[in-house]
Amino acid sequence: MRTLPVLLLLAVALPATASDLSGCLSGLRPQALAQGITATTFDSHTAGLASDPTVLESLDYQPEFRTPIWDYLAGLVDEERVADGRAMLAEHAATLAKVEREHGVDAATVVAVWGVESNYGRTFGKKPLLGSLATLSLRRPAAGFLPR
């Protein structure tokens, strides 16, 4: 299961090369194999993936775009979350250093996003993650995920 994070990174880090999911996955497969992911692992994690248009519709309803900034931050940043973030920085220091070296994203940013998006793995979304990331990889605007 250690290879699943690499698949997820591929899904969001690489630009889509096709307008359909199967074309995009065909383009990602050789790059995943080059990163040491076995063909069996890639195929098992991507088998049956389908684009989900409701993921794209949800982009316009992200709370960070609809809630006043101070209200948004007040709901996310408290002493417990800050303490948890510091603990995650310490616990995962080696992995975070590797992510920073290889992908150029500093540890504090990774941990902050992790805290906001899942409360450090305590909160799960309602949509399958890999299918959602695959859908977003097809439609990602050049400037990022900004509301329309």
N, C-alpha and C. Protein backbone atom coordinates (compact mmCIF):
# COMPACT_ATOMS: atom_id res chain seq x y z
N MET A 1 0.82 -1.20 0.00
CA MET A 1 0.00 0.00 0.00
C MET A 1 0.86 1.26 0.00
N ARG A 2 2.19 1.13 0.20
CA ARG A 2 3.06 2.29 0.21
C ARG A 2 3.09 3.00 -1.13
N THR A 3 2.70 2.33 -2.20
CA THR A 3 2.76 2.95 -3.52
C THR A 3 1.55 3.82 -3.82
N LEU A 4 0.47 3.68 -3.06
CA LEU A 4 -0.71 4.49 -3.32
C LEU A 4 -0.41 5.99 -3.22
N PRO A 5 0.34 6.48 -2.22
CA PRO A 5 0.64 7.92 -2.22
C PRO A 5 1.37 8.38 -3.48
N VAL A 6 2.22 7.54 -4.04
CA VAL A 6 2.90 7.92 -5.27
C VAL A 6 1.90 8.04 -6.41
N LEU A 7 0.95 7.13 -6.46
CA LEU A 7 -0.10 7.23 -7.48
C LEU A 7 -0.88 8.53 -7.31
N LEU A 8 -1.20 8.87 -6.08
CA LEU A 8 -1.95 10.10 -5.83
C LEU A 8 -1.14 11.32 -6.23
N LEU A 9 0.16 11.31 -5.92
CA LEU A 9 1.01 12.43 -6.33
C LEU A 9 1.04 12.54 -7.85
N LEU A 10 1.13 11.41 -8.52
CA LEU A 10 1.12 11.45 -9.99
C LEU A 10 -0.19 12.05 -10.50
N ALA A 11 -1.28 11.68 -9.86
CA ALA A 11 -2.58 12.16 -10.34
C ALA A 11 -2.72 13.67 -10.24
N VAL A 12 -2.11 14.27 -9.24
CA VAL A 12 -2.27 15.71 -9.09
C VAL A 12 -1.06 16.50 -9.57
N ALA A 13 0.10 15.89 -9.64
CA ALA A 13 1.31 16.64 -9.97
C ALA A 13 1.56 16.74 -11.47
N LEU A 14 1.03 15.82 -12.23
CA LEU A 14 1.29 15.82 -13.65
C LEU A 14 0.12 16.42 -14.42
N PRO A 15 0.40 17.21 -15.41
CA PRO A 15 -0.70 17.75 -16.20
C PRO A 15 -1.37 16.65 -17.01
N ALA A 16 -2.66 16.76 -17.15
CA ALA A 16 -3.38 15.79 -17.98
C ALA A 16 -2.93 15.95 -19.42
N THR A 17 -2.76 14.83 -20.09
CA THR A 17 -2.32 14.87 -21.48
C THR A 17 -3.43 14.49 -22.43
N ALA A 18 -4.59 14.26 -21.90
CA ALA A 18 -5.71 13.86 -22.74
C ALA A 18 -7.00 14.41 -22.13
N SER A 19 -8.02 14.52 -22.93
CA SER A 19 -9.28 15.05 -22.42
C SER A 19 -10.16 13.96 -21.82
N ASP A 20 -9.78 12.71 -21.95
CA ASP A 20 -10.56 11.63 -21.37
C ASP A 20 -9.70 10.90 -20.33
N LEU A 21 -10.36 10.27 -19.38
CA LEU A 21 -9.65 9.63 -18.28
C LEU A 21 -8.76 8.49 -18.76
N SER A 22 -9.23 7.66 -19.66
CA SER A 22 -8.39 6.55 -20.10
C SER A 22 -7.13 7.06 -20.80
N GLY A 23 -7.25 8.13 -21.56
CA GLY A 23 -6.08 8.72 -22.20
C GLY A 23 -5.11 9.29 -21.19
N CYS A 24 -5.65 9.93 -20.17
CA CYS A 24 -4.82 10.49 -19.10
C CYS A 24 -4.09 9.38 -18.36
N LEU A 25 -4.80 8.32 -18.01
CA LEU A 25 -4.17 7.21 -17.30
C LEU A 25 -3.11 6.53 -18.16
N SER A 26 -3.37 6.43 -19.45
CA SER A 26 -2.37 5.86 -20.35
C SER A 26 -1.09 6.69 -20.34
N GLY A 27 -1.25 8.00 -20.23
CA GLY A 27 -0.09 8.87 -20.17
C GLY A 27 0.62 8.81 -18.82
N LEU A 28 -0.13 8.57 -17.76
CA LEU A 28 0.47 8.50 -16.42
C LEU A 28 1.15 7.16 -16.15
N ARG A 29 0.66 6.09 -16.76
CA ARG A 29 1.17 4.75 -16.46
C ARG A 29 2.67 4.63 -16.64
N PRO A 30 3.26 5.04 -17.78
CA PRO A 30 4.71 4.90 -17.93
C PRO A 30 5.49 5.70 -16.87
N GLN A 31 4.94 6.85 -16.49
CA GLN A 31 5.62 7.66 -15.48
C GLN A 31 5.53 7.00 -14.11
N ALA A 32 4.41 6.35 -13.81
CA ALA A 32 4.28 5.63 -12.55
C ALA A 32 5.26 4.46 -12.52
N LEU A 33 5.36 3.74 -13.63
CA LEU A 33 6.30 2.62 -13.70
C LEU A 33 7.73 3.11 -13.52
N ALA A 34 8.05 4.25 -14.09
CA ALA A 34 9.39 4.82 -13.95
C ALA A 34 9.68 5.22 -12.51
N GLN A 35 8.63 5.49 -11.73
CA GLN A 35 8.80 5.86 -10.32
C GLN A 35 8.84 4.63 -9.41
N GLY A 36 8.82 3.43 -10.02
CA GLY A 36 8.93 2.21 -9.24
C GLY A 36 7.62 1.57 -8.85
N ILE A 37 6.52 2.09 -9.35
CA ILE A 37 5.21 1.47 -9.09
C ILE A 37 5.06 0.32 -10.07
N THR A 38 4.70 -0.84 -9.57
CA THR A 38 4.55 -1.98 -10.46
C THR A 38 3.31 -1.82 -11.33
N ALA A 39 3.34 -2.47 -12.47
CA ALA A 39 2.20 -2.43 -13.37
C ALA A 39 0.96 -2.98 -12.68
N THR A 40 1.13 -4.04 -11.88
CA THR A 40 0.01 -4.64 -11.17
C THR A 40 -0.61 -3.63 -10.19
N THR A 41 0.24 -2.92 -9.46
CA THR A 41 -0.26 -1.93 -8.50
C THR A 41 -0.99 -0.81 -9.22
N PHE A 42 -0.37 -0.26 -10.27
CA PHE A 42 -1.01 0.82 -11.01
C PHE A 42 -2.35 0.36 -11.56
N ASP A 43 -2.36 -0.79 -12.20
CA ASP A 43 -3.60 -1.29 -12.81
C ASP A 43 -4.68 -1.57 -11.77
N SER A 44 -4.28 -2.12 -10.62
CA SER A 44 -5.30 -2.44 -9.60
C SER A 44 -5.90 -1.17 -9.00
N HIS A 45 -5.09 -0.12 -8.85
CA HIS A 45 -5.61 1.12 -8.25
C HIS A 45 -6.37 1.98 -9.26
N THR A 46 -6.16 1.78 -10.53
CA THR A 46 -6.84 2.61 -11.53
C THR A 46 -7.96 1.86 -12.25
N ALA A 47 -8.06 0.56 -12.04
CA ALA A 47 -9.11 -0.22 -12.69
C ALA A 47 -10.48 0.31 -12.26
N GLY A 48 -11.32 0.55 -13.22
CA GLY A 48 -12.68 0.99 -12.93
C GLY A 48 -12.82 2.46 -12.57
N LEU A 49 -11.73 3.22 -12.61
CA LEU A 49 -11.85 4.65 -12.34
C LEU A 49 -12.74 5.31 -13.38
N ALA A 50 -13.59 6.18 -12.93
CA ALA A 50 -14.46 6.91 -13.84
C ALA A 50 -14.45 8.38 -13.44
N SER A 51 -14.57 9.23 -14.41
CA SER A 51 -14.66 10.66 -14.15
C SER A 51 -15.97 10.95 -13.44
N ASP A 52 -15.94 11.86 -12.46
CA ASP A 52 -17.12 12.20 -11.68
C ASP A 52 -17.39 13.70 -11.82
N PRO A 53 -18.34 14.09 -12.67
CA PRO A 53 -18.59 15.51 -12.89
C PRO A 53 -19.05 16.25 -11.63
N THR A 54 -19.57 15.54 -10.63
CA THR A 54 -20.00 16.24 -9.41
C THR A 54 -18.80 16.80 -8.65
N VAL A 55 -17.61 16.22 -8.87
CA VAL A 55 -16.40 16.75 -8.24
C VAL A 55 -16.16 18.17 -8.75
N LEU A 56 -16.30 18.36 -10.04
CA LEU A 56 -16.08 19.68 -10.63
C LEU A 56 -17.14 20.68 -10.16
N GLU A 57 -18.38 20.22 -10.04
CA GLU A 57 -19.45 21.09 -9.57
C GLU A 57 -19.18 21.54 -8.13
N SER A 58 -18.57 20.68 -7.33
CA SER A 58 -18.29 20.99 -5.93
C SER A 58 -17.24 22.07 -5.76
N LEU A 59 -16.42 22.29 -6.77
CA LEU A 59 -15.36 23.29 -6.65
C LEU A 59 -15.91 24.68 -6.33
N ASP A 60 -17.07 25.00 -6.85
CA ASP A 60 -17.65 26.33 -6.61
C ASP A 60 -18.18 26.49 -5.18
N TYR A 61 -18.26 25.41 -4.43
CA TYR A 61 -18.85 25.45 -3.10
C TYR A 61 -17.85 25.18 -2.00
N GLN A 62 -16.57 25.32 -2.29
CA GLN A 62 -15.55 25.14 -1.27
C GLN A 62 -15.68 26.25 -0.23
N PRO A 63 -15.63 25.92 1.06
CA PRO A 63 -15.82 26.95 2.09
C PRO A 63 -14.78 28.06 2.03
N GLU A 64 -13.57 27.75 1.60
CA GLU A 64 -12.55 28.80 1.54
C GLU A 64 -12.87 29.89 0.53
N PHE A 65 -13.79 29.61 -0.38
CA PHE A 65 -14.19 30.61 -1.37
C PHE A 65 -15.53 31.27 -1.02
N ARG A 66 -16.24 30.75 -0.03
CA ARG A 66 -17.58 31.24 0.26
C ARG A 66 -17.73 31.83 1.67
N THR A 67 -16.72 31.63 2.51
CA THR A 67 -16.78 32.07 3.89
C THR A 67 -15.80 33.22 4.08
N PRO A 68 -16.19 34.26 4.78
CA PRO A 68 -15.23 35.33 5.06
C PRO A 68 -13.96 34.75 5.71
N ILE A 69 -12.81 35.25 5.32
CA ILE A 69 -11.53 34.65 5.69
C ILE A 69 -11.37 34.46 7.19
N TRP A 70 -11.77 35.45 8.00
CA TRP A 70 -11.57 35.32 9.44
C TRP A 70 -12.48 34.25 10.02
N ASP A 71 -13.69 34.12 9.50
CA ASP A 71 -14.59 33.06 9.95
C ASP A 71 -14.04 31.69 9.54
N TYR A 72 -13.53 31.63 8.32
CA TYR A 72 -12.96 30.38 7.82
C TYR A 72 -11.78 29.94 8.70
N LEU A 73 -10.86 30.87 8.97
CA LEU A 73 -9.69 30.54 9.79
C LEU A 73 -10.09 30.20 11.22
N ALA A 74 -11.06 30.90 11.78
CA ALA A 74 -11.50 30.62 13.14
C ALA A 74 -12.05 29.20 13.27
N GLY A 75 -12.65 28.70 12.21
CA GLY A 75 -13.19 27.34 12.24
C GLY A 75 -12.13 26.27 12.02
N LEU A 76 -10.97 26.65 11.55
CA LEU A 76 -9.92 25.67 11.24
C LEU A 76 -8.72 25.72 12.17
N VAL A 77 -8.40 26.89 12.66
CA VAL A 77 -7.17 27.05 13.42
C VAL A 77 -7.50 27.23 14.89
N ASP A 78 -7.14 26.23 15.66
CA ASP A 78 -7.30 26.31 17.10
C ASP A 78 -6.06 25.67 17.74
N GLU A 79 -5.96 25.75 19.05
CA GLU A 79 -4.77 25.24 19.73
C GLU A 79 -4.56 23.75 19.48
N GLU A 80 -5.63 22.99 19.44
CA GLU A 80 -5.51 21.54 19.22
C GLU A 80 -4.94 21.25 17.82
N ARG A 81 -5.46 21.91 16.81
CA ARG A 81 -4.98 21.66 15.45
C ARG A 81 -3.52 22.09 15.29
N VAL A 82 -3.15 23.21 15.90
CA VAL A 82 -1.77 23.67 15.85
C VAL A 82 -0.86 22.65 16.55
N ALA A 83 -1.28 22.17 17.71
CA ALA A 83 -0.49 21.16 18.43
C ALA A 83 -0.38 19.88 17.61
N ASP A 84 -1.48 19.46 17.00
CA ASP A 84 -1.45 18.27 16.15
C ASP A 84 -0.50 18.47 14.98
N GLY A 85 -0.53 19.66 14.38
CA GLY A 85 0.35 19.95 13.26
C GLY A 85 1.81 19.87 13.66
N ARG A 86 2.14 20.43 14.80
CA ARG A 86 3.53 20.36 15.29
C ARG A 86 3.93 18.91 15.54
N ALA A 87 3.02 18.13 16.09
CA ALA A 87 3.31 16.71 16.33
C ALA A 87 3.54 15.97 15.01
N MET A 88 2.74 16.28 13.99
CA MET A 88 2.89 15.63 12.68
C MET A 88 4.21 16.04 12.02
N LEU A 89 4.60 17.30 12.19
CA LEU A 89 5.88 17.75 11.65
C LEU A 89 7.02 16.94 12.26
N ALA A 90 6.95 16.71 13.55
CA ALA A 90 8.01 15.95 14.23
C ALA A 90 7.95 14.47 13.87
N GLU A 91 6.76 13.90 13.90
CA GLU A 91 6.60 12.45 13.65
C GLU A 91 7.00 12.06 12.24
N HIS A 92 6.71 12.92 11.27
CA HIS A 92 6.93 12.59 9.87
C HIS A 92 8.04 13.42 9.24
N ALA A 93 8.98 13.86 10.05
CA ALA A 93 10.04 14.77 9.59
C ALA A 93 10.81 14.20 8.40
N ALA A 94 11.18 12.95 8.45
CA ALA A 94 11.98 12.37 7.36
C ALA A 94 11.18 12.33 6.05
N THR A 95 9.94 11.90 6.12
CA THR A 95 9.10 11.84 4.92
C THR A 95 8.85 13.24 4.37
N LEU A 96 8.57 14.17 5.26
CA LEU A 96 8.31 15.55 4.83
C LEU A 96 9.55 16.19 4.21
N ALA A 97 10.71 15.87 4.73
CA ALA A 97 11.96 16.38 4.14
C ALA A 97 12.15 15.82 2.74
N LYS A 98 11.81 14.56 2.55
CA LYS A 98 11.91 13.95 1.23
C LYS A 98 10.93 14.59 0.25
N VAL A 99 9.70 14.83 0.70
CA VAL A 99 8.70 15.50 -0.14
C VAL A 99 9.22 16.88 -0.55
N GLU A 100 9.80 17.59 0.40
CA GLU A 100 10.31 18.93 0.10
C GLU A 100 11.44 18.88 -0.92
N ARG A 101 12.36 17.94 -0.74
CA ARG A 101 13.48 17.79 -1.70
C ARG A 101 12.99 17.43 -3.09
N GLU A 102 12.08 16.47 -3.15
CA GLU A 102 11.67 15.92 -4.44
C GLU A 102 10.59 16.74 -5.14
N HIS A 103 9.76 17.44 -4.38
CA HIS A 103 8.63 18.14 -4.99
C HIS A 103 8.63 19.63 -4.73
N GLY A 104 9.52 20.12 -3.88
CA GLY A 104 9.64 21.54 -3.64
C GLY A 104 8.54 22.15 -2.79
N VAL A 105 7.81 21.32 -2.05
CA VAL A 105 6.76 21.83 -1.17
C VAL A 105 7.25 21.69 0.27
N ASP A 106 7.31 22.80 0.98
CA ASP A 106 7.87 22.76 2.33
C ASP A 106 6.97 21.97 3.28
N ALA A 107 7.59 21.42 4.31
CA ALA A 107 6.91 20.55 5.27
C ALA A 107 5.72 21.24 5.93
N ALA A 108 5.89 22.50 6.32
CA ALA A 108 4.80 23.20 7.01
C ALA A 108 3.57 23.32 6.12
N THR A 109 3.78 23.55 4.83
CA THR A 109 2.64 23.65 3.90
C THR A 109 1.94 22.31 3.76
N VAL A 110 2.71 21.24 3.61
CA VAL A 110 2.10 19.91 3.49
C VAL A 110 1.27 19.60 4.74
N VAL A 111 1.84 19.84 5.90
CA VAL A 111 1.14 19.54 7.15
C VAL A 111 -0.08 20.44 7.34
N ALA A 112 0.03 21.70 6.96
CA ALA A 112 -1.12 22.60 7.07
C ALA A 112 -2.27 22.14 6.17
N VAL A 113 -1.97 21.78 4.94
CA VAL A 113 -3.01 21.31 4.02
C VAL A 113 -3.61 20.01 4.55
N TRP A 114 -2.77 19.11 5.03
CA TRP A 114 -3.23 17.85 5.60
C TRP A 114 -4.21 18.13 6.75
N GLY A 115 -3.87 19.09 7.59
CA GLY A 115 -4.74 19.43 8.71
C GLY A 115 -6.06 20.01 8.27
N VAL A 116 -6.02 20.90 7.27
CA VAL A 116 -7.25 21.53 6.78
C VAL A 116 -8.13 20.51 6.06
N GLU A 117 -7.52 19.71 5.21
CA GLU A 117 -8.31 18.81 4.36
C GLU A 117 -8.84 17.57 5.07
N SER A 118 -8.14 17.08 6.10
CA SER A 118 -8.62 15.84 6.72
C SER A 118 -8.48 15.82 8.24
N ASN A 119 -8.08 16.95 8.83
CA ASN A 119 -7.80 16.97 10.27
C ASN A 119 -6.85 15.83 10.62
N TYR A 120 -5.79 15.73 9.82
CA TYR A 120 -4.74 14.72 10.00
C TYR A 120 -5.28 13.29 9.95
N GLY A 121 -6.14 13.07 8.97
CA GLY A 121 -6.65 11.72 8.73
C GLY A 121 -7.87 11.34 9.55
N ARG A 122 -8.38 12.26 10.33
CA ARG A 122 -9.55 11.94 11.16
C ARG A 122 -10.87 12.12 10.42
N THR A 123 -10.87 12.95 9.39
CA THR A 123 -12.09 13.25 8.65
C THR A 123 -11.94 12.77 7.22
N PHE A 124 -12.92 12.06 6.74
CA PHE A 124 -12.90 11.55 5.38
C PHE A 124 -13.99 12.21 4.56
N GLY A 125 -13.72 12.41 3.29
CA GLY A 125 -14.72 12.96 2.39
C GLY A 125 -15.75 11.92 2.00
N LYS A 126 -16.71 12.35 1.20
CA LYS A 126 -17.78 11.45 0.79
C LYS A 126 -17.54 10.85 -0.59
N LYS A 127 -16.51 11.33 -1.27
CA LYS A 127 -16.24 10.85 -2.63
C LYS A 127 -14.95 10.05 -2.64
N PRO A 128 -14.85 9.05 -3.50
CA PRO A 128 -13.60 8.29 -3.58
C PRO A 128 -12.44 9.19 -4.01
N LEU A 129 -11.36 9.17 -3.24
CA LEU A 129 -10.24 10.08 -3.45
C LEU A 129 -9.60 9.92 -4.82
N LEU A 130 -9.25 8.72 -5.21
CA LEU A 130 -8.53 8.54 -6.46
C LEU A 130 -9.37 8.95 -7.67
N GLY A 131 -10.65 8.63 -7.66
CA GLY A 131 -11.54 9.06 -8.75
C GLY A 131 -11.68 10.57 -8.79
N SER A 132 -11.74 11.19 -7.62
CA SER A 132 -11.84 12.65 -7.57
C SER A 132 -10.58 13.31 -8.11
N LEU A 133 -9.42 12.81 -7.69
CA LEU A 133 -8.15 13.36 -8.19
C LEU A 133 -8.01 13.14 -9.69
N ALA A 134 -8.44 11.98 -10.14
CA ALA A 134 -8.36 11.71 -11.59
C ALA A 134 -9.25 12.69 -12.35
N THR A 135 -10.44 12.95 -11.86
CA THR A 135 -11.34 13.91 -12.50
C THR A 135 -10.71 15.29 -12.52
N LEU A 136 -10.15 15.71 -11.40
CA LEU A 136 -9.52 17.03 -11.33
C LEU A 136 -8.31 17.14 -12.25
N SER A 137 -7.60 16.04 -12.44
CA SER A 137 -6.43 16.10 -13.32
C SER A 137 -6.82 16.34 -14.77
N LEU A 138 -8.04 15.99 -15.12
CA LEU A 138 -8.52 16.22 -16.48
C LEU A 138 -8.91 17.66 -16.73
N ARG A 139 -9.35 18.35 -15.70
CA ARG A 139 -9.96 19.67 -15.86
C ARG A 139 -9.20 20.79 -15.16
N ARG A 140 -8.07 20.47 -14.58
CA ARG A 140 -7.36 21.46 -13.77
C ARG A 140 -7.00 22.68 -14.60
N PRO A 141 -7.47 23.87 -14.23
CA PRO A 141 -7.06 25.08 -14.95
C PRO A 141 -5.60 25.39 -14.65
N ALA A 142 -4.95 26.07 -15.55
CA ALA A 142 -3.53 26.37 -15.40
C ALA A 142 -3.24 27.15 -14.13
N ALA A 143 -4.15 28.01 -13.69
CA ALA A 143 -3.91 28.84 -12.52
C ALA A 143 -4.24 28.14 -11.22
N GLY A 144 -4.72 26.93 -11.25
CA GLY A 144 -5.06 26.21 -10.02
C GLY A 144 -6.56 26.06 -9.87
N PHE A 145 -6.98 25.64 -8.68
CA PHE A 145 -8.38 25.38 -8.42
C PHE A 145 -9.05 26.65 -7.92
N LEU A 146 -9.40 27.50 -8.81
CA LEU A 146 -10.07 28.74 -8.42
C LEU A 146 -11.54 28.64 -8.81
N PRO A 147 -12.41 29.27 -8.03
CA PRO A 147 -13.84 29.20 -8.37
C PRO A 147 -14.10 29.94 -9.69
N ARG A 148 -15.15 29.53 -10.33
CA ARG A 148 -15.52 30.20 -11.60
C ARG A 148 -16.16 31.52 -11.35
